[in-house]
Amino acid sequence: LIVALLGVLLGLAGVVRVHQLGVATQIEVL
């Protein structure tokens, strides 16, 4: 259970980071 929760948290952190980088890139392009 602990390993599965760590995997979920790392996945969510990756999704958030990719989203933030996408927004930052769009702002720079604009």
PDB file of all heavy atoms in Angstrom:
ATOM      1  N   LEU A   1       0.831  -1.199   0.000  1.00  0.00           N
ATOM      2  CA  LEU A   1       0.000   0.000   0.000  1.00  0.00           C
ATOM      3  C   LEU A   1       0.869   1.254   0.000  1.00  0.00           C
ATOM      4  O   LEU A   1       0.595   2.215  -0.739  1.00  0.00           O
ATOM      5  CB  LEU A   1      -0.936  -0.003   1.205  1.00  0.00           C
ATOM      6  CG  LEU A   1      -1.873   1.204   1.335  1.00  0.00           C
ATOM      7  CD1 LEU A   1      -2.832   1.244   0.161  1.00  0.00           C
ATOM      8  CD2 LEU A   1      -2.630   1.151   2.638  1.00  0.00           C
ATOM      9  N   ILE A   2       1.923   1.257   0.807  1.00  0.00           N
ATOM     10  CA  ILE A   2       2.815   2.417   0.864  1.00  0.00           C
ATOM     11  C   ILE A   2       3.506   2.637  -0.482  1.00  0.00           C
ATOM     12  O   ILE A   2       3.587   3.767  -0.973  1.00  0.00           O
ATOM     13  CB  ILE A   2       3.845   2.246   2.008  1.00  0.00           C
ATOM     14  CG1 ILE A   2       3.131   2.355   3.353  1.00  0.00           C
ATOM     15  CG2 ILE A   2       4.954   3.280   1.901  1.00  0.00           C
ATOM     16  CD1 ILE A   2       3.993   1.966   4.533  1.00  0.00           C
ATOM     17  N   VAL A   3       3.970   1.574  -1.108  1.00  0.00           N
ATOM     18  CA  VAL A   3       4.625   1.695  -2.416  1.00  0.00           C
ATOM     19  C   VAL A   3       3.633   2.203  -3.463  1.00  0.00           C
ATOM     20  O   VAL A   3       3.964   3.062  -4.290  1.00  0.00           O
ATOM     21  CB  VAL A   3       5.248   0.342  -2.834  1.00  0.00           C
ATOM     22  CG1 VAL A   3       5.695   0.372  -4.281  1.00  0.00           C
ATOM     23  CG2 VAL A   3       6.414   0.001  -1.925  1.00  0.00           C
ATOM     24  N   ALA A   4       2.409   1.714  -3.425  1.00  0.00           N
ATOM     25  CA  ALA A   4       1.391   2.174  -4.374  1.00  0.00           C
ATOM     26  C   ALA A   4       1.072   3.653  -4.164  1.00  0.00           C
ATOM     27  O   ALA A   4       0.936   4.415  -5.137  1.00  0.00           O
ATOM     28  CB  ALA A   4       0.128   1.332  -4.225  1.00  0.00           C
ATOM     29  N   LEU A   5       0.962   4.080  -2.916  1.00  0.00           N
ATOM     30  CA  LEU A   5       0.680   5.494  -2.633  1.00  0.00           C
ATOM     31  C   LEU A   5       1.836   6.385  -3.085  1.00  0.00           C
ATOM     32  O   LEU A   5       1.610   7.479  -3.621  1.00  0.00           O
ATOM     33  CB  LEU A   5       0.392   5.701  -1.143  1.00  0.00           C
ATOM     34  CG  LEU A   5      -0.949   5.169  -0.646  1.00  0.00           C
ATOM     35  CD1 LEU A   5      -1.044   5.303   0.871  1.00  0.00           C
ATOM     36  CD2 LEU A   5      -2.095   5.885  -1.328  1.00  0.00           C
ATOM     37  N   LEU A   6       3.071   5.933  -2.883  1.00  0.00           N
ATOM     38  CA  LEU A   6       4.220   6.703  -3.368  1.00  0.00           C
ATOM     39  C   LEU A   6       4.193   6.832  -4.892  1.00  0.00           C
ATOM     40  O   LEU A   6       4.493   7.895  -5.436  1.00  0.00           O
ATOM     41  CB  LEU A   6       5.529   6.051  -2.908  1.00  0.00           C
ATOM     42  CG  LEU A   6       5.907   6.251  -1.460  1.00  0.00           C
ATOM     43  CD1 LEU A   6       7.135   5.420  -1.111  1.00  0.00           C
ATOM     44  CD2 LEU A   6       6.156   7.713  -1.171  1.00  0.00           C
ATOM     45  N   GLY A   7       3.815   5.767  -5.551  1.00  0.00           N
ATOM     46  CA  GLY A   7       3.700   5.824  -7.013  1.00  0.00           C
ATOM     47  C   GLY A   7       2.639   6.813  -7.467  1.00  0.00           C
ATOM     48  O   GLY A   7       2.848   7.576  -8.410  1.00  0.00           O
ATOM     49  N   VAL A   8       1.506   6.817  -6.794  1.00  0.00           N
ATOM     50  CA  VAL A   8       0.432   7.764  -7.123  1.00  0.00           C
ATOM     51  C   VAL A   8       0.894   9.197  -6.890  1.00  0.00           C
ATOM     52  O   VAL A   8       0.659  10.092  -7.716  1.00  0.00           O
ATOM     53  CB  VAL A   8      -0.845   7.441  -6.325  1.00  0.00           C
ATOM     54  CG1 VAL A   8      -1.859   8.565  -6.441  1.00  0.00           C
ATOM     55  CG2 VAL A   8      -1.444   6.137  -6.800  1.00  0.00           C
ATOM     56  N   LEU A   9       1.560   9.429  -5.752  1.00  0.00           N
ATOM     57  CA  LEU A   9       2.032  10.786  -5.451  1.00  0.00           C
ATOM     58  C   LEU A   9       3.075  11.252  -6.472  1.00  0.00           C
ATOM     59  O   LEU A   9       3.042  12.410  -6.908  1.00  0.00           O
ATOM     60  CB  LEU A   9       2.604  10.847  -4.033  1.00  0.00           C
ATOM     61  CG  LEU A   9       1.585  10.726  -2.904  1.00  0.00           C
ATOM     62  CD1 LEU A   9       2.291  10.686  -1.549  1.00  0.00           C
ATOM     63  CD2 LEU A   9       0.598  11.873  -2.958  1.00  0.00           C
ATOM     64  N   LEU A  10       3.990  10.376  -6.843  1.00  0.00           N
ATOM     65  CA  LEU A  10       4.983  10.759  -7.855  1.00  0.00           C
ATOM     66  C   LEU A  10       4.320  11.034  -9.203  1.00  0.00           C
ATOM     67  O   LEU A  10       4.715  11.958  -9.919  1.00  0.00           O
ATOM     68  CB  LEU A  10       6.041   9.659  -7.994  1.00  0.00           C
ATOM     69  CG  LEU A  10       7.037   9.553  -6.854  1.00  0.00           C
ATOM     70  CD1 LEU A  10       7.942   8.353  -7.049  1.00  0.00           C
ATOM     71  CD2 LEU A  10       7.861  10.824  -6.755  1.00  0.00           C
ATOM     72  N   GLY A  11       3.319  10.242  -9.535  1.00  0.00           N
ATOM     73  CA  GLY A  11       2.590  10.486 -10.777  1.00  0.00           C
ATOM     74  C   GLY A  11       1.874  11.825 -10.773  1.00  0.00           C
ATOM     75  O   GLY A  11       1.919  12.575 -11.752  1.00  0.00           O
ATOM     76  N   LEU A  12       1.219  12.136  -9.673  1.00  0.00           N
ATOM     77  CA  LEU A  12       0.525  13.421  -9.566  1.00  0.00           C
ATOM     78  C   LEU A  12       1.511  14.590  -9.606  1.00  0.00           C
ATOM     79  O   LEU A  12       1.232  15.615 -10.242  1.00  0.00           O
ATOM     80  CB  LEU A  12      -0.294  13.482  -8.281  1.00  0.00           C
ATOM     81  CG  LEU A  12      -1.575  12.655  -8.269  1.00  0.00           C
ATOM     82  CD1 LEU A  12      -2.227  12.685  -6.895  1.00  0.00           C
ATOM     83  CD2 LEU A  12      -2.534  13.150  -9.320  1.00  0.00           C
ATOM     84  N   ALA A  13       2.653  14.430  -8.946  1.00  0.00           N
ATOM     85  CA  ALA A  13       3.664  15.490  -8.973  1.00  0.00           C
ATOM     86  C   ALA A  13       4.162  15.703 -10.400  1.00  0.00           C
ATOM     87  O   ALA A  13       4.372  16.835 -10.837  1.00  0.00           O
ATOM     88  CB  ALA A  13       4.821  15.140  -8.044  1.00  0.00           C
ATOM     89  N   GLY A  14       4.327  14.625 -11.146  1.00  0.00           N
ATOM     90  CA  GLY A  14       4.751  14.750 -12.540  1.00  0.00           C
ATOM     91  C   GLY A  14       3.712  15.456 -13.396  1.00  0.00           C
ATOM     92  O   GLY A  14       4.046  16.298 -14.224  1.00  0.00           O
ATOM     93  N   VAL A  15       2.448  15.127 -13.187  1.00  0.00           N
ATOM     94  CA  VAL A  15       1.377  15.773 -13.958  1.00  0.00           C
ATOM     95  C   VAL A  15       1.324  17.265 -13.647  1.00  0.00           C
ATOM     96  O   VAL A  15       1.192  18.102 -14.551  1.00  0.00           O
ATOM     97  CB  VAL A  15       0.026  15.084 -13.665  1.00  0.00           C
ATOM     98  CG1 VAL A  15      -1.137  15.904 -14.198  1.00  0.00           C
ATOM     99  CG2 VAL A  15       0.018  13.689 -14.251  1.00  0.00           C
ATOM    100  N   VAL A  16       1.437  17.617 -12.380  1.00  0.00           N
ATOM    101  CA  VAL A  16       1.410  19.032 -11.984  1.00  0.00           C
ATOM    102  C   VAL A  16       2.592  19.771 -12.600  1.00  0.00           C
ATOM    103  O   VAL A  16       2.444  20.883 -13.118  1.00  0.00           O
ATOM    104  CB  VAL A  16       1.401  19.169 -10.446  1.00  0.00           C
ATOM    105  CG1 VAL A  16       1.661  20.592 -10.010  1.00  0.00           C
ATOM    106  CG2 VAL A  16       0.073  18.676  -9.896  1.00  0.00           C
ATOM    107  N   ARG A  17       3.765  19.154 -12.574  1.00  0.00           N
ATOM    108  CA  ARG A  17       4.956  19.810 -13.124  1.00  0.00           C
ATOM    109  C   ARG A  17       4.816  20.020 -14.633  1.00  0.00           C
ATOM    110  O   ARG A  17       5.150  21.083 -15.154  1.00  0.00           O
ATOM    111  CB  ARG A  17       6.191  18.971 -12.820  1.00  0.00           C
ATOM    112  CG  ARG A  17       7.456  19.620 -13.286  1.00  0.00           C
ATOM    113  CD  ARG A  17       8.663  18.911 -12.750  1.00  0.00           C
ATOM    114  NE  ARG A  17       9.846  19.647 -13.167  1.00  0.00           N
ATOM    115  CZ  ARG A  17      10.920  19.083 -13.665  1.00  0.00           C
ATOM    116  NH1 ARG A  17      10.970  17.784 -13.799  1.00  0.00           N
ATOM    117  NH2 ARG A  17      11.944  19.813 -14.023  1.00  0.00           N
ATOM    118  N   VAL A  18       4.333  19.011 -15.331  1.00  0.00           N
ATOM    119  CA  VAL A  18       4.149  19.147 -16.776  1.00  0.00           C
ATOM    120  C   VAL A  18       3.126  20.236 -17.079  1.00  0.00           C
ATOM    121  O   VAL A  18       3.300  21.030 -18.017  1.00  0.00           O
ATOM    122  CB  VAL A  18       3.724  17.790 -17.394  1.00  0.00           C
ATOM    123  CG1 VAL A  18       3.232  17.959 -18.812  1.00  0.00           C
ATOM    124  CG2 VAL A  18       4.887  16.818 -17.350  1.00  0.00           C
ATOM    125  N   HIS A  19       2.069  20.316 -16.277  1.00  0.00           N
ATOM    126  CA  HIS A  19       1.062  21.355 -16.480  1.00  0.00           C
ATOM    127  C   HIS A  19       1.666  22.742 -16.279  1.00  0.00           C
ATOM    128  O   HIS A  19       1.433  23.651 -17.084  1.00  0.00           O
ATOM    129  CB  HIS A  19      -0.107  21.135 -15.520  1.00  0.00           C
ATOM    130  CG  HIS A  19      -1.122  22.227 -15.548  1.00  0.00           C
ATOM    131  ND1 HIS A  19      -1.933  22.448 -16.631  1.00  0.00           N
ATOM    132  CD2 HIS A  19      -1.441  23.183 -14.647  1.00  0.00           C
ATOM    133  CE1 HIS A  19      -2.711  23.482 -16.382  1.00  0.00           C
ATOM    134  NE2 HIS A  19      -2.425  23.949 -15.180  1.00  0.00           N
ATOM    135  N   GLN A  20       2.450  22.902 -15.212  1.00  0.00           N
ATOM    136  CA  GLN A  20       3.071  24.200 -14.943  1.00  0.00           C
ATOM    137  C   GLN A  20       4.046  24.587 -16.055  1.00  0.00           C
ATOM    138  O   GLN A  20       4.084  25.745 -16.475  1.00  0.00           O
ATOM    139  CB  GLN A  20       3.795  24.174 -13.601  1.00  0.00           C
ATOM    140  CG  GLN A  20       2.859  24.140 -12.416  1.00  0.00           C
ATOM    141  CD  GLN A  20       3.589  23.985 -11.095  1.00  0.00           C
ATOM    142  OE1 GLN A  20       4.760  23.618 -11.066  1.00  0.00           O
ATOM    143  NE2 GLN A  20       2.890  24.237  -9.995  1.00  0.00           N
ATOM    144  N   LEU A  21       4.823  23.638 -16.541  1.00  0.00           N
ATOM    145  CA  LEU A  21       5.755  23.935 -17.629  1.00  0.00           C
ATOM    146  C   LEU A  21       5.011  24.283 -18.917  1.00  0.00           C
ATOM    147  O   LEU A  21       5.443  25.152 -19.683  1.00  0.00           O
ATOM    148  CB  LEU A  21       6.702  22.751 -17.860  1.00  0.00           C
ATOM    149  CG  LEU A  21       7.744  22.527 -16.778  1.00  0.00           C
ATOM    150  CD1 LEU A  21       8.524  21.249 -17.050  1.00  0.00           C
ATOM    151  CD2 LEU A  21       8.680  23.709 -16.685  1.00  0.00           C
ATOM    152  N   GLY A  22       3.891  23.623 -19.151  1.00  0.00           N
ATOM    153  CA  GLY A  22       3.086  23.949 -20.332  1.00  0.00           C
ATOM    154  C   GLY A  22       2.523  25.360 -20.253  1.00  0.00           C
ATOM    155  O   GLY A  22       2.550  26.102 -21.242  1.00  0.00           O
ATOM    156  N   VAL A  23       2.039  25.740 -19.095  1.00  0.00           N
ATOM    157  CA  VAL A  23       1.509  27.097 -18.917  1.00  0.00           C
ATOM    158  C   VAL A  23       2.619  28.123 -19.077  1.00  0.00           C
ATOM    159  O   VAL A  23       2.442  29.150 -19.745  1.00  0.00           O
ATOM    160  CB  VAL A  23       0.817  27.231 -17.534  1.00  0.00           C
ATOM    161  CG1 VAL A  23       0.498  28.679 -17.218  1.00  0.00           C
ATOM    162  CG2 VAL A  23      -0.444  26.382 -17.501  1.00  0.00           C
ATOM    163  N   ALA A  24       3.782  27.859 -18.487  1.00  0.00           N
ATOM    164  CA  ALA A  24       4.910  28.789 -18.605  1.00  0.00           C
ATOM    165  C   ALA A  24       5.353  28.934 -20.051  1.00  0.00           C
ATOM    166  O   ALA A  24       5.649  30.037 -20.519  1.00  0.00           O
ATOM    167  CB  ALA A  24       6.073  28.320 -17.733  1.00  0.00           C
ATOM    168  N   THR A  25       5.360  27.846 -20.789  1.00  0.00           N
ATOM    169  CA  THR A  25       5.741  27.898 -22.200  1.00  0.00           C
ATOM    170  C   THR A  25       4.734  28.716 -23.003  1.00  0.00           C
ATOM    171  O   THR A  25       5.116  29.524 -23.863  1.00  0.00           O
ATOM    172  CB  THR A  25       5.840  26.476 -22.763  1.00  0.00           C
ATOM    173  OG1 THR A  25       6.790  25.742 -21.998  1.00  0.00           O
ATOM    174  CG2 THR A  25       6.273  26.483 -24.212  1.00  0.00           C
ATOM    175  N   GLN A  26       3.464  28.517 -22.747  1.00  0.00           N
ATOM    176  CA  GLN A  26       2.443  29.283 -23.455  1.00  0.00           C
ATOM    177  C   GLN A  26       2.564  30.766 -23.149  1.00  0.00           C
ATOM    178  O   GLN A  26       2.402  31.609 -24.044  1.00  0.00           O
ATOM    179  CB  GLN A  26       1.049  28.786 -23.082  1.00  0.00           C
ATOM    180  CG  GLN A  26       0.723  27.437 -23.660  1.00  0.00           C
ATOM    181  CD  GLN A  26      -0.644  26.931 -23.239  1.00  0.00           C
ATOM    182  OE1 GLN A  26      -1.294  27.513 -22.373  1.00  0.00           O
ATOM    183  NE2 GLN A  26      -1.081  25.852 -23.839  1.00  0.00           N
ATOM    184  N   ILE A  27       2.857  31.111 -21.903  1.00  0.00           N
ATOM    185  CA  ILE A  27       3.020  32.521 -21.532  1.00  0.00           C
ATOM    186  C   ILE A  27       4.211  33.125 -22.277  1.00  0.00           C
ATOM    187  O   ILE A  27       4.139  34.244 -22.791  1.00  0.00           O
ATOM    188  CB  ILE A  27       3.177  32.661 -20.004  1.00  0.00           C
ATOM    189  CG1 ILE A  27       1.841  32.338 -19.325  1.00  0.00           C
ATOM    190  CG2 ILE A  27       3.657  34.049 -19.617  1.00  0.00           C
ATOM    191  CD1 ILE A  27       1.940  32.231 -17.818  1.00  0.00           C
ATOM    192  N   GLU A  28       5.313  32.383 -22.359  1.00  0.00           N
ATOM    193  CA  GLU A  28       6.486  32.891 -23.067  1.00  0.00           C
ATOM    194  C   GLU A  28       6.214  33.044 -24.557  1.00  0.00           C
ATOM    195  O   GLU A  28       6.655  34.016 -25.176  1.00  0.00           O
ATOM    196  CB  GLU A  28       7.683  31.965 -22.840  1.00  0.00           C
ATOM    197  CG  GLU A  28       8.265  32.080 -21.452  1.00  0.00           C
ATOM    198  CD  GLU A  28       9.564  31.316 -21.314  1.00  0.00           C
ATOM    199  OE1 GLU A  28      10.265  31.142 -22.333  1.00  0.00           O
ATOM    200  OE2 GLU A  28       9.873  30.918 -20.198  1.00  0.00           O
ATOM    201  N   VAL A  29       5.498  32.101 -25.138  1.00  0.00           N
ATOM    202  CA  VAL A  29       5.163  32.195 -26.565  1.00  0.00           C
ATOM    203  C   VAL A  29       4.287  33.422 -26.816  1.00  0.00           C
ATOM    204  O   VAL A  29       4.496  34.155 -27.794  1.00  0.00           O
ATOM    205  CB  VAL A  29       4.475  30.901 -27.051  1.00  0.00           C
ATOM    206  CG1 VAL A  29       3.844  31.085 -28.407  1.00  0.00           C
ATOM    207  CG2 VAL A  29       5.478  29.763 -27.080  1.00  0.00           C
ATOM    208  N   LEU A  30       3.319  33.661 -25.955  1.00  0.00           N
ATOM    209  CA  LEU A  30       2.457  34.831 -26.120  1.00  0.00           C
ATOM    210  C   LEU A  30       3.247  36.130 -25.960  1.00  0.00           C
ATOM    211  O   LEU A  30       3.035  37.096 -26.711  1.00  0.00           O
ATOM    212  CB  LEU A  30       1.298  34.791 -25.122  1.00  0.00           C
ATOM    213  CG  LEU A  30       0.249  33.708 -25.389  1.00  0.00           C
ATOM    214  CD1 LEU A  30      -0.747  33.648 -24.239  1.00  0.00           C
ATOM    215  CD2 LEU A  30      -0.454  33.948 -26.704  1.00  0.00           C
TER     216      LEU A  30
END
